[in-house]
Protein backbone atom coordinates (compact mmCIF):
# COMPACT_ATOMS: atom_id res chain seq x y z
CA MET A 1 -20.14 -20.07 66.75
CA SER A 2 -16.64 -18.74 66.87
CA ASN A 3 -15.60 -15.15 67.12
CA GLN A 4 -13.37 -15.42 64.10
CA THR A 5 -14.84 -13.82 61.04
CA SER A 6 -14.18 -15.03 57.58
CA PRO A 7 -11.78 -12.92 55.61
CA SER A 8 -13.49 -10.31 53.48
CA LYS A 9 -13.36 -10.36 49.72
CA SER A 10 -10.98 -7.41 49.66
CA GLU A 11 -8.42 -9.42 51.62
CA ASN A 12 -8.63 -12.42 49.27
CA ASN A 13 -8.41 -10.42 46.06
CA PRO A 14 -5.82 -7.70 45.96
CA ALA A 15 -6.97 -4.32 44.75
CA PRO A 16 -6.66 -3.70 41.03
CA LYS A 17 -3.63 -1.79 39.83
CA ALA A 18 -3.88 1.82 38.78
CA ASN A 19 -4.25 0.80 35.13
CA GLY A 20 -7.30 -1.31 35.99
CA ARG A 21 -5.58 -4.70 35.66
CA ASP A 22 -5.75 -7.35 38.31
CA SER A 23 -2.29 -8.18 39.66
CA SER A 24 -3.28 -11.79 40.29
CA HIS A 25 -2.24 -12.69 36.70
CA PRO A 26 1.32 -11.38 36.32
CA VAL A 27 2.24 -13.61 33.36
CA ALA A 28 -0.88 -12.69 31.43
CA ASP A 29 -0.30 -9.02 32.25
CA GLN A 30 3.30 -9.25 31.04
CA ILE A 31 2.25 -10.98 27.81
CA ALA A 32 -0.47 -8.40 27.22
CA SER A 33 2.00 -5.59 27.83
CA THR A 34 4.50 -7.13 25.42
CA LEU A 35 1.82 -7.63 22.77
CA HIS A 36 0.61 -4.05 23.15
CA ALA A 37 4.18 -2.83 22.69
CA SER A 38 4.52 -5.02 19.57
CA VAL A 39 1.28 -3.69 18.11
CA ASP A 40 2.34 -0.11 18.81
CA SER A 41 5.70 -0.75 17.13
CA LEU A 42 3.98 -2.35 14.13
CA HIS A 43 1.61 0.61 13.91
CA GLN A 44 4.53 3.03 13.83
CA SER A 45 6.28 1.00 11.11
CA ALA A 46 3.11 0.82 9.03
CA ALA A 47 2.52 4.56 9.39
CA THR A 48 6.08 5.33 8.30
CA THR A 49 5.82 2.96 5.33
CA GLU A 50 2.47 4.41 4.28
CA SER A 51 3.85 7.94 4.42
CA SER A 52 6.88 6.92 2.36
CA LEU A 53 4.73 5.17 -0.25
CA ARG A 54 2.43 8.16 -0.56
CA ASP A 55 5.39 10.49 -1.07
CA LYS A 56 6.84 8.18 -3.74
CA GLN A 57 3.46 7.92 -5.45
CA VAL A 58 3.20 11.70 -5.68
CA ALA A 59 6.75 11.96 -7.04
CA SER A 60 6.22 9.20 -9.62
CA GLY A 61 2.91 10.76 -10.68
CA LYS A 62 4.68 14.06 -11.34
CA ALA A 63 7.48 12.32 -13.25
CA PHE A 64 4.94 10.37 -15.34
CA ASP A 65 3.05 13.56 -16.14
CA GLN A 66 6.27 15.26 -17.26
CA LYS A 67 7.15 12.30 -19.51
CA ARG A 68 3.63 12.28 -20.97
CA LYS A 69 3.82 16.00 -21.77
CA ALA A 70 7.25 15.54 -23.38
CA PHE A 71 5.93 12.64 -25.48
CA GLU A 72 2.89 14.65 -26.57
CA LYS A 73 5.10 17.57 -27.58
CA SER A 74 7.39 15.22 -29.51
CA TRP A 75 4.42 13.51 -31.19
CA ASN A 76 2.74 16.78 -32.15
CA THR A 77 5.90 17.98 -33.93
CA SER A 78 6.79 14.65 -35.57
CA GLY A 79 6.70 13.98 -39.28
CA VAL A 80 4.82 10.72 -38.71
CA LYS A 81 1.82 12.53 -37.24
CA LYS A 82 1.89 15.08 -40.05
CA TYR A 83 1.92 12.30 -42.69
CA ALA A 84 -0.86 10.37 -40.90
CA VAL A 85 -3.08 13.48 -40.78
CA GLU A 86 -2.43 14.39 -44.41
CA ASN A 87 -2.82 10.80 -45.76
CA PRO A 88 -5.17 8.82 -43.52
CA VAL A 89 -6.04 6.15 -46.12
CA LYS A 90 -2.39 5.46 -46.95
CA THR A 91 -1.61 5.33 -43.22
CA ALA A 92 -4.37 2.77 -42.64
CA GLY A 93 -3.08 0.69 -45.57
CA ILE A 94 0.48 0.77 -44.24
CA ALA A 95 -0.72 -0.25 -40.76
CA PHE A 96 -2.77 -3.10 -42.25
CA GLY A 97 0.19 -4.32 -44.29
CA ILE A 98 2.54 -4.25 -41.30
CA GLY A 99 -0.07 -6.13 -39.25
CA MET A 100 -0.41 -8.83 -41.90
CA LEU A 101 3.36 -9.20 -42.20
CA ALA A 102 3.75 -9.45 -38.42
CA SER A 103 1.00 -12.08 -38.13
CA MET A 104 2.57 -14.14 -40.94
CA LEU A 105 5.98 -14.06 -39.27
CA LEU A 106 4.70 -14.79 -35.76
CA ARG A 107 2.11 -17.50 -36.41
CA LYS A 108 2.90 -21.08 -35.54
CA LYS A 109 3.70 -23.40 -38.43
C-alpha cells in the first residue's frame, strides 16, 4: 500500500460558518438570507398596520359611542317619543298604515 492517506472528511467539507450554515451552498444561502429579510420586512409592515388599525378602531368606537349618546339624548327629549308613550295604540295604527302604504307603492305590478 502507499504512504499517501486519503484526505479526511474535514478537508473535503469546509467547516460550517459561524451561523451554522454550510458554505458549500452559496446560492441557497443567499436566497435564504434574502427570504428571511423579506419575511422580517413583511412582519414589520404587518405589525405597523395592525397597530394603526387598532388605534383607528378605538377612535371610531369612541366616536360611535358619542353619536349614540347624542342620539339617545335627542330621542329622549323628542316630541315623537312623548307622543308614542302617551298614545301607544294610535302610534301602532299610524305605523301599520305607513307600512301598508309603503308596501302598496313598492310592490311590483
